[in-house]
PDB file of N, CA and C in Angstrom:
ATOM      1  N   UNK A   1    -172.960  12.161  82.594  1.00  0.00           N
ATOM      2  CA  UNK A   1    -173.597  12.494  81.345  1.00  0.00           C
ATOM      3  C   UNK A   1    -174.742  13.455  81.633  1.00  0.00           C
ATOM      4  N   UNK A   2    -174.904  14.456  80.790  1.00  0.00           N
ATOM      5  CA  UNK A   2    -175.978  15.431  80.939  1.00  0.00           C
ATOM      6  C   UNK A   2    -176.936  15.251  79.758  1.00  0.00           C
ATOM      7  N   UNK A   3    -178.136  14.730  79.996  1.00  0.00           N
ATOM      8  CA  UNK A   3    -179.103  14.575  78.905  1.00  0.00           C
ATOM      9  C   UNK A   3    -179.543  15.919  78.341  1.00  0.00           C
ATOM     10  N   UNK A   4    -180.016  15.941  77.097  1.00  0.00           N
ATOM     11  CA  UNK A   4    -180.455  17.180  76.449  1.00  0.00           C
ATOM     12  C   UNK A   4    -181.598  17.854  77.196  1.00  0.00           C
ATOM     13  N   UNK A   5    -182.533  17.086  77.720  1.00  0.00           N
ATOM     14  CA  UNK A   5    -183.708  17.634  78.404  1.00  0.00           C
ATOM     15  C   UNK A   5    -183.521  17.646  79.917  1.00  0.00           C
ATOM     16  N   UNK A   6    -182.331  17.948  80.370  1.00  0.00           N
ATOM     17  CA  UNK A   6    -181.988  17.806  81.778  1.00  0.00           C
ATOM     18  C   UNK A   6    -182.234  19.053  82.620  1.00  0.00           C
ATOM     19  N   UNK A   7    -182.674  20.167  82.010  1.00  0.00           N
ATOM     20  CA  UNK A   7    -182.880  21.398  82.781  1.00  0.00           C
ATOM     21  C   UNK A   7    -184.075  21.212  83.725  1.00  0.00           C
ATOM     22  N   UNK A   8    -183.835  21.454  84.998  1.00  0.00           N
ATOM     23  CA  UNK A   8    -184.867  21.342  86.014  1.00  0.00           C
ATOM     24  C   UNK A   8    -185.490  22.709  86.256  1.00  0.00           C
ATOM     25  N   UNK A   9    -184.667  23.699  86.562  1.00  0.00           N
ATOM     26  CA  UNK A   9    -185.091  25.088  86.724  1.00  0.00           C
ATOM     27  C   UNK A   9    -184.031  25.959  86.076  1.00  0.00           C
ATOM     28  N   UNK A  10    -184.232  27.249  86.096  1.00  0.00           N
ATOM     29  CA  UNK A  10    -183.260  28.164  85.515  1.00  0.00           C
ATOM     30  C   UNK A  10    -181.923  28.041  86.238  1.00  0.00           C
ATOM     31  N   UNK A  11    -180.908  27.625  85.518  1.00  0.00           N
ATOM     32  CA  UNK A  11    -179.585  27.494  86.121  1.00  0.00           C
ATOM     33  C   UNK A  11    -179.337  26.180  86.823  1.00  0.00           C
ATOM     34  N   UNK A  12    -180.294  25.273  86.795  1.00  0.00           N
ATOM     35  CA  UNK A  12    -180.137  23.973  87.454  1.00  0.00           C
ATOM     36  C   UNK A  12    -180.347  22.866  86.427  1.00  0.00           C
ATOM     37  N   UNK A  13    -179.483  21.887  86.471  1.00  0.00           N
ATOM     38  CA  UNK A  13    -179.575  20.740  85.572  1.00  0.00           C
ATOM     39  C   UNK A  13    -179.420  19.464  86.381  1.00  0.00           C
ATOM     40  N   UNK A  14    -179.801  18.345  85.783  1.00  0.00           N
ATOM     41  CA  UNK A  14    -179.576  17.031  86.378  1.00  0.00           C
ATOM     42  C   UNK A  14    -178.643  16.258  85.459  1.00  0.00           C
ATOM     43  N   UNK A  15    -177.697  15.577  86.049  1.00  0.00           N
ATOM     44  CA  UNK A  15    -176.803  14.697  85.305  1.00  0.00           C
ATOM     45  C   UNK A  15    -176.882  13.324  85.945  1.00  0.00           C
ATOM     46  N   UNK A  16    -176.318  12.327  85.286  1.00  0.00           N
ATOM     47  CA  UNK A  16    -176.309  11.008  85.888  1.00  0.00           C
ATOM     48  C   UNK A  16    -175.045  10.259  85.504  1.00  0.00           C
ATOM     49  N   UNK A  17    -174.685   9.326  86.376  1.00  0.00           N
ATOM     50  CA  UNK A  17    -173.522   8.473  86.158  1.00  0.00           C
ATOM     51  C   UNK A  17    -173.870   7.439  85.078  1.00  0.00           C
ATOM     52  N   UNK A  18    -173.017   7.293  84.092  1.00  0.00           N
ATOM     53  CA  UNK A  18    -173.251   6.296  83.044  1.00  0.00           C
ATOM     54  C   UNK A  18    -173.173   4.874  83.581  1.00  0.00           C
ATOM     55  N   UNK A  19    -172.345   4.668  84.611  1.00  0.00           N
ATOM     56  CA  UNK A  19    -172.168   3.333  85.159  1.00  0.00           C
ATOM     57  C   UNK A  19    -173.322   2.852  86.010  1.00  0.00           C
ATOM     58  N   UNK A  20    -173.755   3.671  86.967  1.00  0.00           N
ATOM     59  CA  UNK A  20    -174.773   3.227  87.925  1.00  0.00           C
ATOM     60  C   UNK A  20    -176.100   3.959  87.791  1.00  0.00           C
ATOM     61  N   UNK A  21    -176.179   4.956  86.911  1.00  0.00           N
ATOM     62  CA  UNK A  21    -177.390   5.747  86.672  1.00  0.00           C
ATOM     63  C   UNK A  21    -177.801   6.623  87.855  1.00  0.00           C
ATOM     64  N   UNK A  22    -176.889   6.869  88.803  1.00  0.00           N
ATOM     65  CA  UNK A  22    -177.168   7.757  89.932  1.00  0.00           C
ATOM     66  C   UNK A  22    -177.306   9.169  89.389  1.00  0.00           C
ATOM     67  N   UNK A  23    -178.376   9.889  89.766  1.00  0.00           N
ATOM     68  CA  UNK A  23    -178.561  11.257  89.269  1.00  0.00           C
ATOM     69  C   UNK A  23    -178.147  12.259  90.339  1.00  0.00           C
ATOM     70  N   UNK A  24    -177.648  13.402  89.890  1.00  0.00           N
ATOM     71  CA  UNK A  24    -177.183  14.439  90.809  1.00  0.00           C
ATOM     72  C   UNK A  24    -177.333  15.799  90.138  1.00  0.00           C
ATOM     73  N   UNK A  25    -177.422  16.871  90.945  1.00  0.00           N
ATOM     74  CA  UNK A  25    -177.625  18.210  90.373  1.00  0.00           C
ATOM     75  C   UNK A  25    -176.336  18.860  89.885  1.00  0.00           C
ATOM     76  N   UNK A  26    -176.496  19.700  88.879  1.00  0.00           N
ATOM     77  CA  UNK A  26    -175.434  20.574  88.380  1.00  0.00           C
ATOM     78  C   UNK A  26    -175.934  21.994  88.600  1.00  0.00           C
ATOM     79  N   UNK A  27    -175.173  22.786  89.311  1.00  0.00           N
ATOM     80  CA  UNK A  27    -175.584  24.143  89.650  1.00  0.00           C
ATOM     81  C   UNK A  27    -174.824  25.151  88.787  1.00  0.00           C
ATOM     82  N   UNK A  28    -175.574  25.916  88.000  1.00  0.00           N
ATOM     83  CA  UNK A  28    -174.976  26.891  87.094  1.00  0.00           C
ATOM     84  C   UNK A  28    -175.006  28.313  87.657  1.00  0.00           C
ATOM     85  N   UNK A  29    -175.797  28.575  88.684  1.00  0.00           N
ATOM     86  CA  UNK A  29    -175.900  29.926  89.252  1.00  0.00           C
ATOM     87  C   UNK A  29    -174.719  30.172  90.188  1.00  0.00           C
ATOM     88  N   UNK A  30    -173.544  30.365  89.610  1.00  0.00           N
ATOM     89  CA  UNK A  30    -172.341  30.520  90.426  1.00  0.00           C
ATOM     90  C   UNK A  30    -172.255  31.896  91.073  1.00  0.00           C
ATOM     91  N   UNK A  31    -172.832  32.898  90.448  1.00  0.00           N
ATOM     92  CA  UNK A  31    -172.789  34.247  91.016  1.00  0.00           C
ATOM     93  C   UNK A  31    -173.567  34.300  92.335  1.00  0.00           C
ATOM     94  N   UNK A  32    -174.765  33.759  92.331  1.00  0.00           N
ATOM     95  CA  UNK A  32    -175.566  33.720  93.557  1.00  0.00           C
ATOM     96  C   UNK A  32    -174.924  32.853  94.628  1.00  0.00           C
ATOM     97  N   UNK A  33    -174.310  31.750  94.201  1.00  0.00           N
ATOM     98  CA  UNK A  33    -173.669  30.841  95.142  1.00  0.00           C
ATOM     99  C   UNK A  33    -172.474  31.499  95.817  1.00  0.00           C
ATOM    100  N   UNK A  34    -171.637  32.169  95.057  1.00  0.00           N
ATOM    101  CA  UNK A  34    -170.447  32.802  95.654  1.00  0.00           C
ATOM    102  C   UNK A  34    -170.824  33.988  96.538  1.00  0.00           C
ATOM    103  N   UNK A  35    -171.938  34.662  96.209  1.00  0.00           N
ATOM    104  CA  UNK A  35    -172.411  35.736  97.085  1.00  0.00           C
ATOM    105  C   UNK A  35    -172.907  35.191  98.421  1.00  0.00           C
ATOM    106  N   UNK A  36    -173.607  34.058  98.387  1.00  0.00           N
ATOM    107  CA  UNK A  36    -174.150  33.493  99.626  1.00  0.00           C
ATOM    108  C   UNK A  36    -173.115  32.687 100.407  1.00  0.00           C
ATOM    109  N   UNK A  37    -172.018  32.308  99.776  1.00  0.00           N
ATOM    110  CA  UNK A  37    -170.962  31.526 100.409  1.00  0.00           C
ATOM    111  C   UNK A  37    -169.625  32.254 100.252  1.00  0.00           C
ATOM    112  N   UNK A  38    -169.362  33.270 101.070  1.00  0.00           N
ATOM    113  CA  UNK A  38    -168.115  34.045 100.904  1.00  0.00           C
ATOM    114  C   UNK A  38    -166.847  33.217 101.082  1.00  0.00           C
ATOM    115  N   UNK A  39    -166.922  32.119 101.810  1.00  0.00           N
ATOM    116  CA  UNK A  39    -165.741  31.255 101.970  1.00  0.00           C
ATOM    117  C   UNK A  39    -165.307  30.656 100.640  1.00  0.00           C
ATOM    118  N   UNK A  40    -166.257  30.396  99.755  1.00  0.00           N
ATOM    119  CA  UNK A  40    -165.933  29.819  98.449  1.00  0.00           C
ATOM    120  C   UNK A  40    -165.140  30.827  97.617  1.00  0.00           C
ATOM    121  N   UNK A  41    -165.545  32.084  97.638  1.00  0.00           N
ATOM    122  CA  UNK A  41    -164.817  33.123  96.892  1.00  0.00           C
ATOM    123  C   UNK A  41    -163.376  33.223  97.402  1.00  0.00           C
ATOM    124  N   UNK A  42    -163.191  33.159  98.697  1.00  0.00           N
ATOM    125  CA  UNK A  42    -161.852  33.198  99.291  1.00  0.00           C
ATOM    126  C   UNK A  42    -161.053  31.962  98.867  1.00  0.00           C
ATOM    127  N   UNK A  43    -161.693  30.797  98.885  1.00  0.00           N
ATOM    128  CA  UNK A  43    -161.060  29.530  98.499  1.00  0.00           C
ATOM    129  C   UNK A  43    -160.620  29.591  97.041  1.00  0.00           C
ATOM    130  N   UNK A  44    -161.454  30.179  96.154  1.00  0.00           N
ATOM    131  CA  UNK A  44    -161.119  30.303  94.741  1.00  0.00           C
ATOM    132  C   UNK A  44    -159.886  31.183  94.520  1.00  0.00           C
ATOM    133  N   UNK A  45    -159.753  32.238  95.295  1.00  0.00           N
ATOM    134  CA  UNK A  45    -158.598  33.135  95.165  1.00  0.00           C
ATOM    135  C   UNK A  45    -157.285  32.428  95.483  1.00  0.00           C
ATOM    136  N   UNK A  46    -157.321  31.450  96.377  1.00  0.00           N
ATOM    137  CA  UNK A  46    -156.113  30.732  96.759  1.00  0.00           C
ATOM    138  C   UNK A  46    -155.883  29.444  95.996  1.00  0.00           C
ATOM    139  N   UNK A  47    -156.775  29.095  95.090  1.00  0.00           N
ATOM    140  CA  UNK A  47    -156.660  27.844  94.338  1.00  0.00           C
ATOM    141  C   UNK A  47    -155.519  27.942  93.336  1.00  0.00           C
ATOM    142  N   UNK A  48    -154.666  26.897  93.310  1.00  0.00           N
ATOM    143  CA  UNK A  48    -153.502  26.891  92.418  1.00  0.00           C
ATOM    144  C   UNK A  48    -153.816  26.122  91.135  1.00  0.00           C
ATOM    145  N   UNK A  49    -153.501  26.739  90.018  1.00  0.00           N
ATOM    146  CA  UNK A  49    -153.730  26.134  88.698  1.00  0.00           C
ATOM    147  C   UNK A  49    -152.714  25.016  88.468  1.00  0.00           C
ATOM    148  N   UNK A  50    -153.155  23.838  88.019  1.00  0.00           N
ATOM    149  CA  UNK A  50    -152.208  22.754  87.751  1.00  0.00           C
ATOM    150  C   UNK A  50    -151.348  22.999  86.506  1.00  0.00           C
ATOM    151  N   UNK A  51    -151.759  23.907  85.632  1.00  0.00           N
ATOM    152  CA  UNK A  51    -151.001  24.177  84.410  1.00  0.00           C
ATOM    153  C   UNK A  51    -149.918  25.235  84.610  1.00  0.00           C
ATOM    154  N   UNK A  52    -150.291  26.405  85.148  1.00  0.00           N
ATOM    155  CA  UNK A  52    -149.318  27.499  85.270  1.00  0.00           C
ATOM    156  C   UNK A  52    -148.848  27.719  86.712  1.00  0.00           C
ATOM    157  N   UNK A  53    -149.456  27.055  87.666  1.00  0.00           N
ATOM    158  CA  UNK A  53    -149.122  27.102  89.103  1.00  0.00           C
ATOM    159  C   UNK A  53    -149.382  28.469  89.742  1.00  0.00           C
ATOM    160  N   UNK A  54    -150.110  29.349  89.067  1.00  0.00           N
ATOM    161  CA  UNK A  54    -150.490  30.624  89.679  1.00  0.00           C
ATOM    162  C   UNK A  54    -151.784  30.428  90.452  1.00  0.00           C
ATOM    163  N   UNK A  55    -152.060  31.332  91.382  1.00  0.00           N
ATOM    164  CA  UNK A  55    -153.278  31.213  92.182  1.00  0.00           C
ATOM    165  C   UNK A  55    -154.375  32.121  91.645  1.00  0.00           C
ATOM    166  N   UNK A  56    -155.605  31.691  91.882  1.00  0.00           N
ATOM    167  CA  UNK A  56    -156.782  32.450  91.477  1.00  0.00           C
ATOM    168  C   UNK A  56    -157.554  31.720  90.401  1.00  0.00           C
ATOM    169  N   UNK A  57    -158.831  31.486  90.665  1.00  0.00           N
ATOM    170  CA  UNK A  57    -159.680  30.782  89.709  1.00  0.00           C
ATOM    171  C   UNK A  57    -161.078  31.386  89.723  1.00  0.00           C
ATOM    172  N   UNK A  58    -161.795  31.169  88.618  1.00  0.00           N
ATOM    173  CA  UNK A  58    -163.182  31.608  88.489  1.00  0.00           C
ATOM    174  C   UNK A  58    -164.057  30.364  88.422  1.00  0.00           C
ATOM    175  N   UNK A  59    -165.132  30.350  89.169  1.00  0.00           N
ATOM    176  CA  UNK A  59    -166.042  29.214  89.214  1.00  0.00           C
ATOM    177  C   UNK A  59    -166.922  29.203  87.967  1.00  0.00           C
ATOM    178  N   UNK A  60    -166.916  28.082  87.233  1.00  0.00           N
ATOM    179  CA  UNK A  60    -167.764  27.914  86.050  1.00  0.00           C
ATOM    180  C   UNK A  60    -169.099  27.282  86.431  1.00  0.00           C
ATOM    181  N   UNK A  61    -169.040  26.161  87.122  1.00  0.00           N
ATOM    182  CA  UNK A  61    -170.222  25.503  87.656  1.00  0.00           C
ATOM    183  C   UNK A  61    -169.788  24.484  88.679  1.00  0.00           C
ATOM    184  N   UNK A  62    -170.761  23.982  89.455  1.00  0.00           N
ATOM    185  CA  UNK A  62    -170.439  22.974  90.458  1.00  0.00           C
ATOM    186  C   UNK A  62    -171.398  21.812  90.336  1.00  0.00           C
ATOM    187  N   UNK A  63    -170.888  20.637  90.639  1.00  0.00           N
ATOM    188  CA  UNK A  63    -171.654  19.399  90.602  1.00  0.00           C
ATOM    189  C   UNK A  63    -171.674  18.849  92.011  1.00  0.00           C
ATOM    190  N   UNK A  64    -172.822  18.361  92.428  1.00  0.00           N
ATOM    191  CA  UNK A  64    -172.960  17.817  93.774  1.00  0.00           C
ATOM    192  C   UNK A  64    -173.342  16.346  93.678  1.00  0.00           C
ATOM    193  N   UNK A  65    -172.346  15.447  93.495  1.00  0.00           N
ATOM    194  CA  UNK A  65    -172.650  14.034  93.324  1.00  0.00           C
ATOM    195  C   UNK A  65    -173.021  13.307  94.611  1.00  0.00           C
ATOM    196  N   UNK A  66    -172.811  13.938  95.763  1.00  0.00           N
ATOM    197  CA  UNK A  66    -173.204  13.321  97.032  1.00  0.00           C
ATOM    198  C   UNK A  66    -173.649  14.414  97.997  1.00  0.00           C
ATOM    199  N   UNK A  67    -174.222  14.005  99.098  1.00  0.00           N
ATOM    200  CA  UNK A  67    -174.705  14.955 100.092  1.00  0.00           C
ATOM    201  C   UNK A  67    -173.550  15.722 100.717  1.00  0.00           C
ATOM    202  N   UNK A  68    -172.427  15.090 100.914  1.00  0.00           N
ATOM    203  CA  UNK A  68    -171.291  15.708 101.619  1.00  0.00           C
ATOM    204  C   UNK A  68    -170.176  16.230 100.736  1.00  0.00           C
ATOM    205  N   UNK A  69    -170.282  16.066  99.433  1.00  0.00           N
ATOM    206  CA  UNK A  69    -169.175  16.492  98.586  1.00  0.00           C
ATOM    207  C   UNK A  69    -169.637  17.224  97.349  1.00  0.00           C
ATOM    208  N   UNK A  70    -168.731  17.969  96.769  1.00  0.00           N
ATOM    209  CA  UNK A  70    -169.015  18.699  95.529  1.00  0.00           C
ATOM    210  C   UNK A  70    -167.757  18.736  94.681  1.00  0.00           C
ATOM    211  N   UNK A  71    -167.960  18.900  93.396  1.00  0.00           N
ATOM    212  CA  UNK A  71    -166.856  19.075  92.469  1.00  0.00           C
ATOM    213  C   UNK A  71    -167.048  20.438  91.820  1.00  0.00           C
ATOM    214  N   UNK A  72    -166.035  21.275  91.919  1.00  0.00           N
ATOM    215  CA  UNK A  72    -166.078  22.630  91.390  1.00  0.00           C
ATOM    216  C   UNK A  72    -165.289  22.668  90.087  1.00  0.00           C
ATOM    217  N   UNK A  73    -165.944  23.043  89.004  1.00  0.00           N
ATOM    218  CA  UNK A  73    -165.291  23.201  87.717  1.00  0.00           C
ATOM    219  C   UNK A  73    -164.935  24.670  87.580  1.00  0.00           C
ATOM    220  N   UNK A  74    -163.644  24.937  87.446  1.00  0.00           N
ATOM    221  CA  UNK A  74    -163.138  26.310  87.483  1.00  0.00           C
ATOM    222  C   UNK A  74    -162.228  26.586  86.283  1.00  0.00           C
ATOM    223  N   UNK A  75    -161.928  27.870  86.092  1.00  0.00           N
ATOM    224  CA  UNK A  75    -160.992  28.306  85.059  1.00  0.00           C
ATOM    225  C   UNK A  75    -159.948  29.184  85.728  1.00  0.00           C
ATOM    226  N   UNK A  76    -158.690  28.935  85.419  1.00  0.00           N
ATOM    227  CA  UNK A  76    -157.596  29.735  85.980  1.00  0.00           C
ATOM    228  C   UNK A  76    -157.738  31.185  85.527  1.00  0.00           C
ATOM    229  N   UNK A  77    -157.617  32.103  86.461  1.00  0.00           N
ATOM    230  CA  UNK A  77    -157.720  33.530  86.145  1.00  0.00           C
ATOM    231  C   UNK A  77    -156.519  34.021  85.330  1.00  0.00           C
ATOM    232  N   UNK A  78    -155.372  33.367  85.454  1.00  0.00           N
ATOM    233  CA  UNK A  78    -154.161  33.816  84.760  1.00  0.00           C
ATOM    234  C   UNK A  78    -154.048  33.253  83.340  1.00  0.00           C
ATOM    235  N   UNK A  79    -154.175  31.927  83.197  1.00  0.00           N
ATOM    236  CA  UNK A  79    -153.932  31.307  81.891  1.00  0.00           C
ATOM    237  C   UNK A  79    -155.176  30.742  81.216  1.00  0.00           C
ATOM    238  N   UNK A  80    -156.326  30.839  81.868  1.00  0.00           N
ATOM    239  CA  UNK A  80    -157.610  30.361  81.332  1.00  0.00           C
ATOM    240  C   UNK A  80    -157.683  28.847  81.185  1.00  0.00           C
ATOM    241  N   UNK A  81    -156.839  28.119  81.889  1.00  0.00           N
ATOM    242  CA  UNK A  81    -156.867  26.655  81.851  1.00  0.00           C
ATOM    243  C   UNK A  81    -158.040  26.145  82.694  1.00  0.00           C
ATOM    244  N   UNK A  82    -158.938  25.327  82.114  1.00  0.00           N
ATOM    245  CA  UNK A  82    -160.042  24.776  82.915  1.00  0.00           C
ATOM    246  C   UNK A  82    -159.571  23.558  83.713  1.00  0.00           C
ATOM    247  N   UNK A  83    -160.018  23.444  84.949  1.00  0.00           N
ATOM    248  CA  UNK A  83    -159.710  22.282  85.782  1.00  0.00           C
ATOM    249  C   UNK A  83    -160.793  22.148  86.833  1.00  0.00           C
ATOM    250  N   UNK A  84    -160.699  21.096  87.646  1.00  0.00           N
ATOM    251  CA  UNK A  84    -161.721  20.897  88.685  1.00  0.00           C
ATOM    252  C   UNK A  84    -161.074  20.605  90.011  1.00  0.00           C
ATOM    253  N   UNK A  85    -161.816  20.860  91.072  1.00  0.00           N
ATOM    254  CA  UNK A  85    -161.379  20.597  92.443  1.00  0.00           C
ATOM    255  C   UNK A  85    -162.502  19.903  93.177  1.00  0.00           C
ATOM    256  N   UNK A  86    -162.171  18.846  93.896  1.00  0.00           N
ATOM    257  CA  UNK A  86    -163.145  18.182  94.762  1.00  0.00           C
ATOM    258  C   UNK A  86    -163.090  18.840  96.131  1.00  0.00           C
ATOM    259  N   UNK A  87    -164.246  18.949  96.756  1.00  0.00           N
ATOM    260  CA  UNK A  87    -164.301  19.604  98.055  1.00  0.00           C
ATOM    261  C   UNK A  87    -165.387  18.994  98.916  1.00  0.00           C
ATOM    262  N   UNK A  88    -165.174  19.066 100.197  1.00  0.00           N
ATOM    263  CA  UNK A  88    -166.185  18.656 101.158  1.00  0.00           C
ATOM    264  C   UNK A  88    -167.080  19.837 101.438  1.00  0.00           C
ATOM    265  N   UNK A  89    -168.384  19.651 101.372  1.00  0.00           N
ATOM    266  CA  UNK A  89    -169.321  20.740 101.621  1.00  0.00           C
ATOM    267  C   UNK A  89    -169.312  21.189 103.072  1.00  0.00           C
ATOM    268  N   UNK A  90    -168.818  20.340 103.972  1.00  0.00           N
ATOM    269  CA  UNK A  90    -168.778  20.684 105.389  1.00  0.00           C
ATOM    270  C   UNK A  90    -168.010  21.989 105.618  1.00  0.00           C
ATOM    271  N   UNK A  91    -167.007  22.228 104.805  1.00  0.00           N
ATOM    272  CA  UNK A  91    -166.177  23.420 104.983  1.00  0.00           C
ATOM    273  C   UNK A  91    -166.942  24.702 104.706  1.00  0.00           C
ATOM    274  N   UNK A  92    -168.017  24.608 103.927  1.00  0.00           N
ATOM    275  CA  UNK A  92    -168.733  25.814 103.526  1.00  0.00           C
ATOM    276  C   UNK A  92    -170.115  25.927 104.144  1.00  0.00           C
ATOM    277  N   UNK A  93    -170.438  25.113 105.131  1.00  0.00           N
ATOM    278  CA  UNK A  93    -171.757  25.191 105.775  1.00  0.00           C
ATOM    279  C   UNK A  93    -171.744  26.194 106.891  1.00  0.00           C
TER     280      UNK A  93
END
C-alpha cells in the first residue's frame, strides 16, 4: 500500500505491507537508474511479455522490499501490457 503522503524525495516514495507493516522504498527515477545500471537496460530488452510473448520491456518503476531483492514493474514494448519481474539485486551490483 502506498499512503498519500508517502513521498520522501523527488522520485522516491515509501510503501508498506498491509499484513506486517514493513516499509520499503519505491523508486520512480527509472531513467537515472537505467543509465547507472547498464545491465538492467540489457535485461529489459530480453524480457519476455507474458501476454504476447515478444521480448522488450520499458521500466515503469521498481520496488525494493528487501536488501537483496527487487520487483521491477514494466510495460511490454510491443503490446503495452503491464507486468512485473522479481530479481535479485546481486546480478546488478
